[in-house]
Protein backbone atom coordinates (compact mmCIF):
# COMPACT_ATOMS: atom_id res chain seq x y z
CA GLY A 1 77.71 93.71 -132.22
CA ARG A 2 74.57 95.11 -132.87
CA ARG A 3 74.19 94.98 -136.27
CA LYS A 4 74.85 90.98 -136.28
CA CYS A 5 71.41 90.33 -135.57
CA PRO A 6 68.61 93.37 -135.84
CA ILE A 7 65.74 90.02 -136.96
CA VAL A 8 66.40 88.80 -133.62
CA TRP A 9 65.78 91.87 -131.80
CA SER A 10 63.13 93.18 -134.18
CA ARG A 11 61.43 90.02 -132.76
CA VAL A 12 61.87 90.78 -129.22
CA VAL A 13 60.76 94.21 -129.39
CA ALA A 14 57.87 93.09 -130.69
CA GLY A 15 57.28 90.37 -128.51
CA TYR A 16 58.02 92.20 -125.53
CA THR A 17 55.26 95.73 -127.53
CA VAL A 18 52.76 92.05 -127.34
CA VAL A 19 53.29 91.44 -123.93
CA LYS A 20 52.74 94.83 -122.64
CA ARG A 21 49.66 94.90 -124.68
CA LEU A 22 48.31 91.89 -123.01
CA ALA A 23 49.50 93.49 -119.77
CA ASP A 24 47.58 96.80 -120.52
CA GLY A 25 44.45 95.11 -120.87
CA ARG A 26 44.24 92.25 -118.55
CA SER A 27 44.78 95.31 -116.06
CA ARG A 28 42.00 97.71 -117.50
CA LEU A 29 39.58 94.49 -117.65
CA ASN A 30 40.33 94.00 -113.68
CA PHE A 31 40.25 97.57 -113.08
CA ARG A 32 36.78 97.79 -114.66
CA ASN A 33 35.75 94.27 -112.94
CA GLN A 34 36.16 95.57 -109.55
């Protein structure tokens, strides 16, 4: 169940948040360039 792999789940969440931050930063840079 959920209790089986908390470490893997935390890694997935961390990776998703990092990707989201990078995407937000790129969108902001693109918006400034335009």
